[in-house]
């Protein structure tokens, strides 16, 4: 498992500073938001190649 950081909703300023460092230093990062302890269907991927994208979990196939 890769290292990670957990930010609470009260840590907004720290999260912004962290994401700023990710972009300034060219690190790879994934932001996996959760609402009420449930993972979101969307997340943000930041690449060291100077791009970022929002991804969404594909809907599950009905059986």
Protein backbone atom coordinates (compact mmCIF):
# COMPACT_ATOMS: atom_id res chain seq x y z
CA UNK A 1 0.00 0.00 0.00
CA UNK A 2 1.29 3.48 -0.88
CA UNK A 3 1.69 6.21 1.72
CA UNK A 4 -1.26 8.48 2.18
CA UNK A 5 -2.64 11.41 4.14
CA UNK A 6 -6.06 11.65 5.74
CA UNK A 7 -7.58 15.11 5.81
CA UNK A 8 -10.69 15.81 7.86
CA UNK A 9 -13.21 18.41 6.72
CA UNK A 10 -11.63 20.83 9.19
CA UNK A 11 -8.23 20.44 7.46
CA UNK A 12 -9.21 22.38 4.35
CA UNK A 13 -6.26 24.79 4.49
CA UNK A 14 -3.77 21.95 4.97
CA UNK A 15 -5.28 20.05 2.03
CA UNK A 16 -4.95 23.11 -0.19
CA UNK A 17 -1.30 23.55 0.86
CA UNK A 18 -0.63 19.86 0.24
CA UNK A 19 -2.17 19.94 -3.24
CA UNK A 20 -0.21 23.09 -4.03
CA UNK A 21 3.01 21.26 -3.10
CA UNK A 22 1.97 18.27 -5.24
CA UNK A 23 1.58 20.52 -8.27
CA UNK A 24 4.65 22.70 -7.63
CA UNK A 25 7.02 19.76 -7.09
CA UNK A 26 5.59 17.57 -9.85
CA UNK A 27 4.45 14.69 -7.67
CA UNK A 28 1.81 12.10 -8.53
CA UNK A 29 -1.26 12.13 -6.30
CA UNK A 30 -4.81 10.87 -6.09
CA UNK A 31 -7.49 12.64 -4.08
CA UNK A 32 -10.14 10.20 -2.88
CA UNK A 33 -12.95 12.16 -1.23
CA UNK A 34 -15.40 10.63 1.22
CA UNK A 35 -18.73 11.99 2.43
CA UNK A 36 -20.02 10.73 5.77
CA UNK A 37 -17.30 8.03 5.77
CA UNK A 38 -18.43 6.71 2.37
CA UNK A 39 -16.08 6.93 -0.62
CA UNK A 40 -17.19 9.23 -3.40
CA UNK A 41 -17.77 7.94 -6.92
CA UNK A 42 -15.34 10.56 -8.23
CA UNK A 43 -11.70 11.24 -7.51
CA UNK A 44 -8.93 13.49 -8.81
CA UNK A 45 -5.67 12.23 -10.31
CA UNK A 46 -2.70 14.62 -10.54
CA UNK A 47 0.28 13.52 -12.64
CA UNK A 48 3.91 14.57 -12.50
CA UNK A 49 3.52 15.13 -16.27
CA UNK A 50 1.61 18.36 -15.49
CA UNK A 51 -1.97 17.20 -15.99
CA UNK A 52 -4.91 16.51 -13.71
CA UNK A 53 -8.22 14.79 -14.34
CA UNK A 54 -11.41 13.89 -12.54
CA UNK A 55 -12.30 10.22 -12.81
CA UNK A 56 -15.56 8.48 -12.01
CA UNK A 57 -16.23 4.92 -10.96
CA UNK A 58 -18.10 3.21 -13.81
CA UNK A 59 -21.61 1.97 -12.95
CA UNK A 60 -21.77 -1.70 -12.09
CA UNK A 61 -23.30 -4.00 -14.66
CA UNK A 62 -26.72 -5.35 -13.80
CA UNK A 63 -26.86 -9.11 -13.50
